[in-house]
C-alpha atoms as a PDB file:
ATOM      1  CA  ASP A   1     -57.717   0.665 -66.331  1.00  0.00           C
ATOM      2  CA  LEU A   2     -56.401   4.190 -67.121  1.00  0.00           C
ATOM      3  CA  TYR A   3     -57.668   6.481 -70.038  1.00  0.00           C
ATOM      4  CA  VAL A   4     -55.617   9.452 -70.789  1.00  0.00           C
ATOM      5  CA  GLY A   5     -56.485  11.633 -73.697  1.00  0.00           C
ATOM      6  CA  GLY A   6     -56.933  15.181 -74.646  1.00  0.00           C
ATOM      7  CA  THR A   7     -60.256  17.091 -73.753  1.00  0.00           C
ATOM      8  CA  GLU A   8     -60.730  18.000 -77.634  1.00  0.00           C
ATOM      9  CA  HIS A   9     -60.862  14.313 -78.638  1.00  0.00           C
ATOM     10  CA  ALA A  10     -61.744  12.504 -75.724  1.00  0.00           C
ATOM     11  CA  VAL A  11     -65.463  13.576 -75.398  1.00  0.00           C
ATOM     12  CA  LEU A  12     -66.670  11.794 -78.408  1.00  0.00           C
ATOM     13  CA  HIS A  13     -64.068   8.821 -78.074  1.00  0.00           C
ATOM     14  CA  LEU A  14     -65.559   8.036 -74.603  1.00  0.00           C
ATOM     15  CA  LEU A  15     -68.998   8.306 -75.726  1.00  0.00           C
ATOM     16  CA  TYR A  16     -68.295   5.436 -78.277  1.00  0.00           C
ATOM     17  CA  ALA A  17     -66.103   3.516 -75.979  1.00  0.00           C
ATOM     18  CA  ARG A  18     -68.593   3.870 -73.327  1.00  0.00           C
ATOM     19  CA  PHE A  19     -71.248   2.780 -75.680  1.00  0.00           C
ATOM     20  CA  TRP A  20     -69.831  -0.375 -77.125  1.00  0.00           C
ATOM     21  CA  HIS A  21     -68.505  -1.300 -73.547  1.00  0.00           C
ATOM     22  CA  LYS A  22     -72.280  -1.005 -72.345  1.00  0.00           C
ATOM     23  CA  VAL A  23     -73.377  -3.102 -75.040  1.00  0.00           C
ATOM     24  CA  LEU A  24     -71.056  -5.533 -74.301  1.00  0.00           C
ATOM     25  CA  PHE A  25     -71.648  -5.726 -70.762  1.00  0.00           C
ATOM     26  CA  ASP A  26     -75.352  -6.221 -71.491  1.00  0.00           C
ATOM     27  CA  LEU A  27     -74.549  -9.161 -73.738  1.00  0.00           C
ATOM     28  CA  GLY A  28     -72.490 -10.543 -70.907  1.00  0.00           C
ATOM     29  CA  CYS A  29     -69.139 -10.269 -72.827  1.00  0.00           C
ATOM     30  CA  VAL A  30     -67.433  -8.142 -70.158  1.00  0.00           C
ATOM     31  CA  SER A  31     -67.512  -8.181 -66.625  1.00  0.00           C
ATOM     32  CA  THR A  32     -67.906  -4.667 -65.836  1.00  0.00           C
ATOM     33  CA  PRO A  33     -70.461  -1.546 -66.683  1.00  0.00           C
ATOM     34  CA  GLU A  34     -67.477   0.972 -67.318  1.00  0.00           C
ATOM     35  CA  PRO A  35     -64.582   0.492 -69.880  1.00  0.00           C
ATOM     36  CA  PHE A  36     -62.386   2.669 -67.688  1.00  0.00           C
ATOM     37  CA  PHE A  37     -61.963   3.238 -63.539  1.00  0.00           C
ATOM     38  CA  LYS A  38     -59.898   6.469 -64.448  1.00  0.00           C
ATOM     39  CA  LEU A  39     -59.643   9.346 -66.857  1.00  0.00           C
ATOM     40  CA  VAL A  40     -56.852  11.645 -66.838  1.00  0.00           C
ATOM     41  CA  ASN A  41     -56.999  14.584 -69.427  1.00  0.00           C
ATOM     42  CA  GLN A  42     -53.492  15.894 -70.544  1.00  0.00           C
ATOM     43  CA  GLY A  43     -52.926  19.424 -71.256  1.00  0.00           C
ATOM     44  CA  LEU A  44     -52.312  21.260 -74.743  1.00  0.00           C
ATOM     45  CA  ILE A  45     -48.830  21.892 -75.615  1.00  0.00           C
ATOM     46  CA  LEU A  46     -48.927  25.546 -76.851  1.00  0.00           C
ATOM     47  CA  GLY A  47     -46.766  27.175 -79.640  1.00  0.00           C
ATOM     48  CA  GLU A  48     -43.726  29.277 -78.291  1.00  0.00           C
ATOM     49  CA  ASP A  49     -46.042  32.178 -78.749  1.00  0.00           C
ATOM     50  CA  GLY A  50     -48.242  30.794 -76.067  1.00  0.00           C
ATOM     51  CA  GLN A  51     -51.043  30.066 -78.777  1.00  0.00           C
ATOM     52  CA  LYS A  52     -52.509  26.851 -79.526  1.00  0.00           C
ATOM     53  CA  MET A  53     -50.253  25.420 -82.488  1.00  0.00           C
ATOM     54  CA  SER A  54     -51.647  25.980 -85.889  1.00  0.00           C
ATOM     55  CA  LYS A  55     -50.228  26.004 -89.428  1.00  0.00           C
ATOM     56  CA  SER A  56     -52.292  29.481 -89.848  1.00  0.00           C
ATOM     57  CA  ARG A  57     -50.560  30.891 -86.896  1.00  0.00           C
ATOM     58  CA  GLY A  58     -46.989  29.720 -88.413  1.00  0.00           C
ATOM     59  CA  ASN A  59     -46.410  28.482 -84.523  1.00  0.00           C
ATOM     60  CA  VAL A  60     -46.028  24.700 -85.296  1.00  0.00           C
ATOM     61  CA  VAL A  61     -42.754  23.003 -83.773  1.00  0.00           C
ATOM     62  CA  ASN A  62     -41.794  20.190 -86.332  1.00  0.00           C
ATOM     63  CA  PRO A  63     -40.863  17.059 -83.998  1.00  0.00           C
ATOM     64  CA  ASP A  64     -38.538  15.993 -86.648  1.00  0.00           C
ATOM     65  CA  ASP A  65     -36.212  18.982 -86.282  1.00  0.00           C
ATOM     66  CA  ILE A  66     -35.883  18.173 -82.517  1.00  0.00           C
ATOM     67  CA  LEU A  67     -35.046  14.830 -83.130  1.00  0.00           C
ATOM     68  CA  VAL A  68     -32.500  15.860 -85.328  1.00  0.00           C
ATOM     69  CA  GLU A  69     -30.889  18.265 -83.088  1.00  0.00           C
ATOM     70  CA  PHE A  70     -31.327  16.659 -79.648  1.00  0.00           C
ATOM     71  CA  GLY A  71     -32.564  12.990 -80.156  1.00  0.00           C
ATOM     72  CA  ALA A  72     -35.417  11.081 -79.119  1.00  0.00           C
ATOM     73  CA  ASP A  73     -34.510  10.590 -75.572  1.00  0.00           C
ATOM     74  CA  ALA A  74     -34.200  14.260 -75.010  1.00  0.00           C
ATOM     75  CA  PHE A  75     -37.277  15.452 -76.779  1.00  0.00           C
ATOM     76  CA  ARG A  76     -39.510  12.602 -74.916  1.00  0.00           C
ATOM     77  CA  LEU A  77     -37.754  13.723 -71.543  1.00  0.00           C
ATOM     78  CA  TYR A  78     -38.565  17.367 -72.258  1.00  0.00           C
ATOM     79  CA  GLU A  79     -42.097  16.961 -73.154  1.00  0.00           C
ATOM     80  CA  MET A  80     -42.474  14.994 -69.648  1.00  0.00           C
ATOM     81  CA  PHE A  81     -40.338  17.478 -67.776  1.00  0.00           C
ATOM     82  CA  MET A  82     -42.713  20.759 -68.885  1.00  0.00           C
ATOM     83  CA  GLY A  83     -44.654  20.786 -65.991  1.00  0.00           C
ATOM     84  CA  PRO A  84     -47.780  18.742 -64.719  1.00  0.00           C
ATOM     85  CA  LEU A  85     -49.409  16.408 -67.190  1.00  0.00           C
ATOM     86  CA  GLU A  86     -52.758  17.947 -66.947  1.00  0.00           C
ATOM     87  CA  MET A  87     -51.810  21.443 -67.416  1.00  0.00           C
ATOM     88  CA  VAL A  88     -51.238  23.615 -70.721  1.00  0.00           C
ATOM     89  CA  LYS A  89     -47.801  24.452 -71.461  1.00  0.00           C
ATOM     90  CA  PRO A  90     -46.076  26.480 -73.785  1.00  0.00           C
ATOM     91  CA  TRP A  91     -43.383  24.791 -75.881  1.00  0.00           C
ATOM     92  CA  ASN A  92     -39.715  26.423 -75.213  1.00  0.00           C
ATOM     93  CA  THR A  93     -36.768  24.876 -77.512  1.00  0.00           C
ATOM     94  CA  ARG A  94     -34.377  26.120 -74.874  1.00  0.00           C
ATOM     95  CA  GLY A  95     -36.154  23.607 -72.614  1.00  0.00           C
ATOM     96  CA  VAL A  96     -34.933  20.924 -74.484  1.00  0.00           C
ATOM     97  CA  GLU A  97     -31.180  21.999 -74.246  1.00  0.00           C
ATOM     98  CA  GLY A  98     -31.647  21.860 -70.328  1.00  0.00           C
ATOM     99  CA  VAL A  99     -32.507  18.171 -70.428  1.00  0.00           C
ATOM    100  CA  TYR A 100     -30.319  17.571 -73.335  1.00  0.00           C
ATOM    101  CA  ARG A 101     -27.578  18.473 -70.880  1.00  0.00           C
ATOM    102  CA  PHE A 102     -28.915  16.421 -67.909  1.00  0.00           C
ATOM    103  CA  LEU A 103     -28.612  13.312 -70.124  1.00  0.00           C
ATOM    104  CA  GLY A 104     -25.101  14.428 -70.771  1.00  0.00           C
ATOM    105  CA  ARG A 105     -24.214  14.309 -67.274  1.00  0.00           C
ATOM    106  CA  VAL A 106     -25.976  10.895 -67.122  1.00  0.00           C
ATOM    107  CA  TRP A 107     -23.602   9.901 -70.038  1.00  0.00           C
ATOM    108  CA  ARG A 108     -20.528  11.204 -67.875  1.00  0.00           C
ATOM    109  CA  LEU A 109     -21.426   9.417 -65.189  1.00  0.00           C
ATOM    110  CA  PHE A 110     -21.035   6.122 -66.544  1.00  0.00           C
ATOM    111  CA  VAL A 111     -18.501   6.832 -69.541  1.00  0.00           C
ATOM    112  CA  ASP A 112     -14.809   7.747 -69.795  1.00  0.00           C
ATOM    113  CA  GLU A 113     -14.769  10.842 -71.049  1.00  0.00           C
ATOM    114  CA  GLN A 114     -11.157  10.335 -73.148  1.00  0.00           C
ATOM    115  CA  SER A 115     -12.809   6.953 -74.631  1.00  0.00           C
ATOM    116  CA  GLU A 116     -15.859   9.093 -75.854  1.00  0.00           C
ATOM    117  CA  THR A 117     -13.239  11.590 -77.786  1.00  0.00           C
ATOM    118  CA  GLU A 118     -11.781   8.423 -79.351  1.00  0.00           C
ATOM    119  CA  PHE A 119     -15.451   7.073 -80.605  1.00  0.00           C
ATOM    120  CA  GLU A 120     -16.083  10.578 -81.899  1.00  0.00           C
ATOM    121  CA  GLN A 121     -12.619  10.643 -84.210  1.00  0.00           C
ATOM    122  CA  ALA A 122     -13.418   7.007 -85.130  1.00  0.00           C
ATOM    123  CA  GLU A 123     -16.761   7.554 -85.884  1.00  0.00           C
ATOM    124  CA  THR A 124     -15.728  10.440 -88.274  1.00  0.00           C
ATOM    125  CA  LEU A 125     -13.282   8.036 -90.477  1.00  0.00           C
ATOM    126  CA  THR A 126     -15.500   4.912 -90.077  1.00  0.00           C
ATOM    127  CA  THR A 127     -16.985   3.549 -93.645  1.00  0.00           C
ATOM    128  CA  LYS A 128     -20.600   2.419 -94.314  1.00  0.00           C
ATOM    129  CA  THR A 129     -20.010  -1.022 -93.891  1.00  0.00           C
ATOM    130  CA  GLN A 130     -18.357  -0.883 -90.258  1.00  0.00           C
ATOM    131  CA  ARG A 131     -21.126  -1.447 -87.559  1.00  0.00           C
ATOM    132  CA  ARG A 132     -21.868   0.592 -84.810  1.00  0.00           C
ATOM    133  CA  GLU A 133     -21.697  -2.021 -82.364  1.00  0.00           C
ATOM    134  CA  GLU A 134     -17.829  -2.120 -82.964  1.00  0.00           C
ATOM    135  CA  LEU A 135     -17.530   1.417 -82.640  1.00  0.00           C
ATOM    136  CA  LEU A 136     -19.258   1.462 -79.242  1.00  0.00           C
ATOM    137  CA  LYS A 137     -16.473  -0.902 -77.860  1.00  0.00           C
ATOM    138  CA  ILE A 138     -13.821   1.785 -78.008  1.00  0.00           C
ATOM    139  CA  ILE A 139     -15.934   3.548 -75.428  1.00  0.00           C
ATOM    140  CA  GLN A 140     -14.981   2.633 -71.902  1.00  0.00           C
ATOM    141  CA  LEU A 141     -16.519   2.843 -68.754  1.00  0.00           C
ATOM    142  CA  ASN A 142     -15.766   5.438 -66.111  1.00  0.00           C
ATOM    143  CA  SER A 143     -12.969   3.862 -63.803  1.00  0.00           C
ATOM    144  CA  ALA A 144     -14.751   4.976 -60.875  1.00  0.00           C
ATOM    145  CA  ILE A 145     -17.383   2.433 -61.329  1.00  0.00           C
ATOM    146  CA  LYS A 146     -16.575  -0.525 -59.445  1.00  0.00           C
ATOM    147  CA  ASN A 147     -18.218  -3.938 -58.401  1.00  0.00           C
ATOM    148  CA  MET A 148     -18.362  -2.912 -54.404  1.00  0.00           C
ATOM    149  CA  PRO A 149     -20.819  -2.702 -51.700  1.00  0.00           C
ATOM    150  CA  ALA A 150     -22.640   0.655 -51.584  1.00  0.00           C
ATOM    151  CA  THR A 151     -21.859   2.911 -48.572  1.00  0.00           C
ATOM    152  CA  PRO A 152     -24.875   3.848 -46.356  1.00  0.00           C
ATOM    153  CA  ALA A 153     -24.621   7.434 -47.684  1.00  0.00           C
ATOM    154  CA  GLN A 154     -24.948   6.225 -51.230  1.00  0.00           C
ATOM    155  CA  LEU A 155     -27.772   3.816 -50.645  1.00  0.00           C
ATOM    156  CA  LYS A 156     -29.597   6.566 -48.995  1.00  0.00           C
ATOM    157  CA  THR A 157     -29.733   8.636 -52.103  1.00  0.00           C
ATOM    158  CA  LEU A 158     -30.518   5.933 -54.217  1.00  0.00           C
ATOM    159  CA  HIS A 159     -33.490   4.806 -51.887  1.00  0.00           C
ATOM    160  CA  ALA A 160     -34.539   8.447 -51.945  1.00  0.00           C
ATOM    161  CA  CYS A 161     -34.677   8.508 -55.662  1.00  0.00           C
ATOM    162  CA  ILE A 162     -36.594   5.173 -55.990  1.00  0.00           C
ATOM    163  CA  LYS A 163     -39.122   6.335 -53.356  1.00  0.00           C
ATOM    164  CA  LYS A 164     -39.697   9.481 -55.143  1.00  0.00           C
ATOM    165  CA  VAL A 165     -39.599   8.154 -58.563  1.00  0.00           C
ATOM    166  CA  THR A 166     -41.793   5.433 -57.821  1.00  0.00           C
ATOM    167  CA  GLU A 167     -44.561   7.448 -56.296  1.00  0.00           C
ATOM    168  CA  HIS A 168     -44.450  10.313 -58.762  1.00  0.00           C
ATOM    169  CA  LEU A 169     -44.900   7.754 -61.772  1.00  0.00           C
ATOM    170  CA  ASP A 170     -47.818   5.972 -60.085  1.00  0.00           C
ATOM    171  CA  GLY A 171     -49.528   9.791 -59.621  1.00  0.00           C
ATOM    172  CA  LEU A 172     -48.317  10.712 -63.174  1.00  0.00           C
ATOM    173  CA  ARG A 173     -46.035  13.588 -61.793  1.00  0.00           C
ATOM    174  CA  PHE A 174     -43.603  12.947 -64.339  1.00  0.00           C
ATOM    175  CA  ASN A 175     -41.634  16.381 -64.225  1.00  0.00           C
ATOM    176  CA  THR A 176     -41.128  16.005 -60.344  1.00  0.00           C
ATOM    177  CA  ALA A 177     -40.079  12.072 -60.999  1.00  0.00           C
ATOM    178  CA  ILE A 178     -37.307  13.616 -63.130  1.00  0.00           C
ATOM    179  CA  SER A 179     -36.232  16.420 -60.642  1.00  0.00           C
ATOM    180  CA  ALA A 180     -35.712  13.550 -58.217  1.00  0.00           C
ATOM    181  CA  MET A 181     -33.434  11.740 -60.910  1.00  0.00           C
ATOM    182  CA  MET A 182     -31.624  15.017 -61.281  1.00  0.00           C
ATOM    183  CA  VAL A 183     -31.041  15.216 -57.685  1.00  0.00           C
ATOM    184  CA  PHE A 184     -29.286  11.585 -57.808  1.00  0.00           C
ATOM    185  CA  VAL A 185     -26.894  12.211 -60.521  1.00  0.00           C
ATOM    186  CA  ASN A 186     -25.840  15.510 -59.150  1.00  0.00           C
ATOM    187  CA  ASP A 187     -24.959  13.568 -56.166  1.00  0.00           C
ATOM    188  CA  ALA A 188     -23.849  10.280 -57.697  1.00  0.00           C
ATOM    189  CA  ILE A 189     -21.193  12.520 -59.994  1.00  0.00           C
ATOM    190  CA  THR A 190     -19.182  13.519 -57.122  1.00  0.00           C
ATOM    191  CA  TRP A 191     -18.916  10.031 -55.632  1.00  0.00           C
ATOM    192  CA  GLU A 192     -15.311   9.005 -55.731  1.00  0.00           C
ATOM    193  CA  THR A 193     -16.215   5.243 -56.544  1.00  0.00           C
ATOM    194  CA  LYS A 194     -19.666   4.336 -58.043  1.00  0.00           C
ATOM    195  CA  PRO A 195     -21.024   1.151 -57.350  1.00  0.00           C
ATOM    196  CA  VAL A 196     -22.448  -0.867 -60.362  1.00  0.00           C
ATOM    197  CA  SER A 197     -25.067  -1.970 -57.973  1.00  0.00           C
ATOM    198  CA  VAL A 198     -26.322   1.439 -57.534  1.00  0.00           C
ATOM    199  CA  LEU A 199     -25.975   2.840 -60.944  1.00  0.00           C
ATOM    200  CA  ARG A 200     -27.738  -0.374 -62.569  1.00  0.00           C
ATOM    201  CA  GLU A 201     -30.850   0.467 -60.216  1.00  0.00           C
ATOM    202  CA  PHE A 202     -30.721   4.074 -61.262  1.00  0.00           C
ATOM    203  CA  LEU A 203     -30.736   3.082 -64.868  1.00  0.00           C
ATOM    204  CA  ILE A 204     -34.248   1.145 -64.369  1.00  0.00           C
ATOM    205  CA  LEU A 205     -35.678   4.329 -63.114  1.00  0.00           C
ATOM    206  CA  LEU A 206     -34.728   6.445 -66.086  1.00  0.00           C
ATOM    207  CA  GLN A 207     -35.480   3.545 -68.680  1.00  0.00           C
ATOM    208  CA  PRO A 208     -39.164   4.588 -69.162  1.00  0.00           C
ATOM    209  CA  PHE A 209     -38.087   8.611 -69.552  1.00  0.00           C
ATOM    210  CA  ALA A 210     -34.855   7.950 -71.800  1.00  0.00           C
ATOM    211  CA  PRO A 211     -34.878   4.018 -73.102  1.00  0.00           C
ATOM    212  CA  HIS A 212     -32.069   4.627 -75.784  1.00  0.00           C
ATOM    213  CA  ILE A 213     -29.243   5.882 -73.551  1.00  0.00           C
ATOM    214  CA  VAL A 214     -30.069   3.770 -70.781  1.00  0.00           C
ATOM    215  CA  GLU A 215     -30.060   0.581 -72.796  1.00  0.00           C
ATOM    216  CA  GLU A 216     -26.353   1.507 -74.200  1.00  0.00           C
ATOM    217  CA  LEU A 217     -25.528   2.185 -70.793  1.00  0.00           C
ATOM    218  CA  TRP A 218     -26.874  -1.116 -69.362  1.00  0.00           C
ATOM    219  CA  ALA A 219     -25.295  -3.020 -72.043  1.00  0.00           C
ATOM    220  CA  LYS A 220     -21.998  -1.386 -70.754  1.00  0.00           C
ATOM    221  CA  LEU A 221     -22.589  -2.158 -67.318  1.00  0.00           C
ATOM    222  CA  SER A 222     -22.830  -5.836 -68.053  1.00  0.00           C
ATOM    223  CA  THR A 223     -19.460  -5.943 -69.475  1.00  0.00           C
ATOM    224  CA  LEU A 224     -18.290  -5.550 -65.904  1.00  0.00           C
ATOM    225  CA  ASN A 225     -19.406  -8.971 -64.688  1.00  0.00           C
ATOM    226  CA  SER A 226     -18.833 -10.687 -67.837  1.00  0.00           C
ATOM    227  CA  GLN A 227     -22.678 -11.487 -68.231  1.00  0.00           C
ATOM    228  CA  PRO A 228     -24.686 -11.157 -71.784  1.00  0.00           C
ATOM    229  CA  SER A 229     -26.511  -8.289 -72.162  1.00  0.00           C
ATOM    230  CA  THR A 230     -30.083  -8.534 -71.597  1.00  0.00           C
ATOM    231  CA  SER A 231     -32.704  -5.836 -72.445  1.00  0.00           C
ATOM    232  CA  LEU A 232     -33.296  -3.554 -69.420  1.00  0.00           C
ATOM    233  CA  THR A 233     -37.090  -3.814 -70.310  1.00  0.00           C
ATOM    234  CA  TYR A 234     -37.313  -7.397 -68.447  1.00  0.00           C
ATOM    235  CA  ALA A 235     -35.235  -6.179 -65.320  1.00  0.00           C
ATOM    236  CA  CYS A 236     -37.518  -5.892 -62.197  1.00  0.00           C
ATOM    237  CA  TRP A 237     -38.247  -2.432 -61.014  1.00  0.00           C
ATOM    238  CA  PRO A 238     -36.550  -1.556 -57.872  1.00  0.00           C
ATOM    239  CA  LYS A 239     -38.105  -1.151 -54.183  1.00  0.00           C
ATOM    240  CA  PHE A 240     -36.946   1.274 -51.594  1.00  0.00           C
ATOM    241  CA  ASP A 241     -36.171   0.183 -47.958  1.00  0.00           C
ATOM    242  CA  PRO A 242     -37.702   2.524 -45.713  1.00  0.00           C
ATOM    243  CA  ALA A 243     -35.081   1.987 -43.167  1.00  0.00           C
ATOM    244  CA  LEU A 244     -32.517   3.318 -45.082  1.00  0.00           C
ATOM    245  CA  LEU A 245     -33.855   6.761 -45.459  1.00  0.00           C
ATOM    246  CA  VAL A 246     -34.366   7.367 -41.667  1.00  0.00           C
ATOM    247  CA  GLU A 247     -32.800  10.630 -40.634  1.00  0.00           C
ATOM    248  CA  ASP A 248     -29.657  10.292 -38.072  1.00  0.00           C
ATOM    249  CA  THR A 249     -30.074  13.836 -37.315  1.00  0.00           C
ATOM    250  CA  LEU A 250     -32.585  16.677 -37.591  1.00  0.00           C
ATOM    251  CA  GLU A 251     -32.320  20.137 -38.239  1.00  0.00           C
ATOM    252  CA  ILE A 252     -34.691  22.272 -35.591  1.00  0.00           C
ATOM    253  CA  PRO A 253     -35.518  25.831 -35.945  1.00  0.00           C
ATOM    254  CA  VAL A 254     -35.075  27.996 -32.830  1.00  0.00           C
ATOM    255  CA  GLN A 255     -37.362  31.023 -32.271  1.00  0.00           C
ATOM    256  CA  VAL A 256     -37.065  33.711 -29.299  1.00  0.00           C
ATOM    257  CA  ASN A 257     -40.417  35.371 -29.119  1.00  0.00           C
ATOM    258  CA  GLY A 258     -41.589  34.166 -32.284  1.00  0.00           C
ATOM    259  CA  LYS A 259     -38.415  35.290 -34.366  1.00  0.00           C
ATOM    260  CA  LEU A 260     -36.225  33.026 -35.739  1.00  0.00           C
ATOM    261  CA  ARG A 261     -32.719  33.233 -34.554  1.00  0.00           C
ATOM    262  CA  ASP A 262     -30.932  30.010 -35.327  1.00  0.00           C
ATOM    263  CA  VAL A 263     -31.312  26.289 -36.949  1.00  0.00           C
ATOM    264  CA  ILE A 264     -29.672  23.675 -34.416  1.00  0.00           C
ATOM    265  CA  LYS A 265     -28.768  19.927 -35.658  1.00  0.00           C
ATOM    266  CA  VAL A 266     -29.907  17.573 -32.934  1.00  0.00           C
ATOM    267  CA  PRO A 267     -30.130  13.627 -32.992  1.00  0.00           C
ATOM    268  CA  ALA A 268     -33.315  12.317 -34.718  1.00  0.00           C
ATOM    269  CA  ASN A 269     -34.076  10.429 -31.297  1.00  0.00           C
ATOM    270  CA  ALA A 270     -33.352  13.448 -29.007  1.00  0.00           C
ATOM    271  CA  ASP A 271     -35.763  13.870 -26.491  1.00  0.00           C
ATOM    272  CA  ASN A 272     -37.446  17.457 -25.684  1.00  0.00           C
ATOM    273  CA  ALA A 273     -35.058  18.292 -22.795  1.00  0.00           C
ATOM    274  CA  THR A 274     -31.911  17.654 -25.110  1.00  0.00           C
ATOM    275  CA  VAL A 275     -33.636  19.551 -27.861  1.00  0.00           C
ATOM    276  CA  GLU A 276     -34.339  22.645 -25.349  1.00  0.00           C
ATOM    277  CA  ALA A 277     -30.878  22.491 -23.837  1.00  0.00           C
ATOM    278  CA  ALA A 278     -29.133  22.511 -27.260  1.00  0.00           C
ATOM    279  CA  ALA A 279     -31.556  25.619 -28.433  1.00  0.00           C
ATOM    280  CA  LYS A 280     -30.337  27.470 -25.302  1.00  0.00           C
ATOM    281  CA  ALA A 281     -26.694  26.831 -25.546  1.00  0.00           C
ATOM    282  CA  SER A 282     -26.678  28.191 -29.479  1.00  0.00           C
ATOM    283  CA  GLU A 283     -24.447  31.057 -29.667  1.00  0.00           C
ATOM    284  CA  LYS A 284     -26.815  33.021 -31.698  1.00  0.00           C
ATOM    285  CA  VAL A 285     -29.499  32.404 -29.464  1.00  0.00           C
ATOM    286  CA  GLN A 286     -27.618  33.278 -26.519  1.00  0.00           C
ATOM    287  CA  GLN A 287     -27.389  36.973 -27.891  1.00  0.00           C
ATOM    288  CA  PHE A 288     -31.118  37.377 -27.346  1.00  0.00           C
ATOM    289  CA  ILE A 289     -31.779  35.661 -24.204  1.00  0.00           C
ATOM    290  CA  ALA A 290     -28.808  36.762 -22.359  1.00  0.00           C
ATOM    291  CA  GLY A 291     -29.715  38.908 -19.417  1.00  0.00           C
ATOM    292  CA  LYS A 292     -33.326  38.132 -19.968  1.00  0.00           C
ATOM    293  CA  THR A 293     -35.681  36.005 -18.014  1.00  0.00           C
ATOM    294  CA  ILE A 294     -36.837  32.823 -19.978  1.00  0.00           C
ATOM    295  CA  LYS A 295     -40.503  32.661 -19.094  1.00  0.00           C
ATOM    296  CA  LYS A 296     -41.366  29.863 -21.288  1.00  0.00           C
ATOM    297  CA  VAL A 297     -39.883  27.163 -23.934  1.00  0.00           C
ATOM    298  CA  ILE A 298     -42.151  25.751 -26.358  1.00  0.00           C
ATOM    299  CA  VAL A 299     -41.120  22.541 -27.965  1.00  0.00           C
ATOM    300  CA  VAL A 300     -42.831  20.845 -31.042  1.00  0.00           C
ATOM    301  CA  PRO A 301     -41.027  17.464 -31.336  1.00  0.00           C
ATOM    302  CA  LYS A 302     -38.879  17.699 -34.267  1.00  0.00           C
ATOM    303  CA  LYS A 303     -40.166  20.846 -35.731  1.00  0.00           C
ATOM    304  CA  LEU A 304     -39.275  23.832 -33.810  1.00  0.00           C
ATOM    305  CA  VAL A 305     -38.543  25.447 -30.557  1.00  0.00           C
ATOM    306  CA  ASN A 306     -39.567  28.501 -29.385  1.00  0.00           C
ATOM    307  CA  ILE A 307     -38.042  30.416 -26.225  1.00  0.00           C
ATOM    308  CA  VAL A 308     -40.142  33.246 -24.783  1.00  0.00           C
ATOM    309  CA  VAL A 309     -38.662  35.735 -22.639  1.00  0.00           C
ATOM    310  CA  VAL A 310     -39.027  39.074 -21.021  1.00  0.00           C
END
């Protein structure tokens, strides 16, 4: 249904693909006259000098070097985080460092840092005959991770992430989907207790972007329930609940004669009269309406209050 390819090679390939498909359609072997319903041309990744990568220019980036230094997950994640899929983008190795640090934050969200240090020390002393799985048993989960119900605030953070990642993946907006997961991690890492159910859902969202680190963490989480670890690949994609994303309060900008003077917080279900009263009661707004005649108050529901004075 979807053809993704660069403009340089896709022209002839599409010509051949369409030709053969139309022959098969005329023969009655396939049911559609066209082989693809949608075409997306991804942009080139340029060298760090902003030019097309070429051996003659000497600006080619060797993927093997990036894999050795940062790993496959960071490499994969950075390519999707560089910008919109269809745009031409210059390579920047410092950008890989940024997403590598993000994966480090994901790891620290799940793993006890002291046990990680013990793992690194043991790894330097191990013989080649020892299995990596045995070393990984040293690593312990963060003690804040509990089998407990999530709070409303935690569910709201999770479901906002599910909504954005799902919608942006469907639109092939990989960079903004990753940004949504970064927002989730920044919030979740501050939680005093971290529910297993919330973290499991987050790992499912991250898996298409960084499958290797996610499988490790998924296996670790399964130990809390004393369940055998099954591959995350077979987990169902989570669905967001719109009811959990309804805002309890709204921030409404208040203008006086068209100039912003304050931003007030009101209940999401407040009527116009309540919003108007709250705007007039604001201390910052009072400075600009005191001693003046209010000619008109314009309330744009859930968006704006403008007080006109003379």
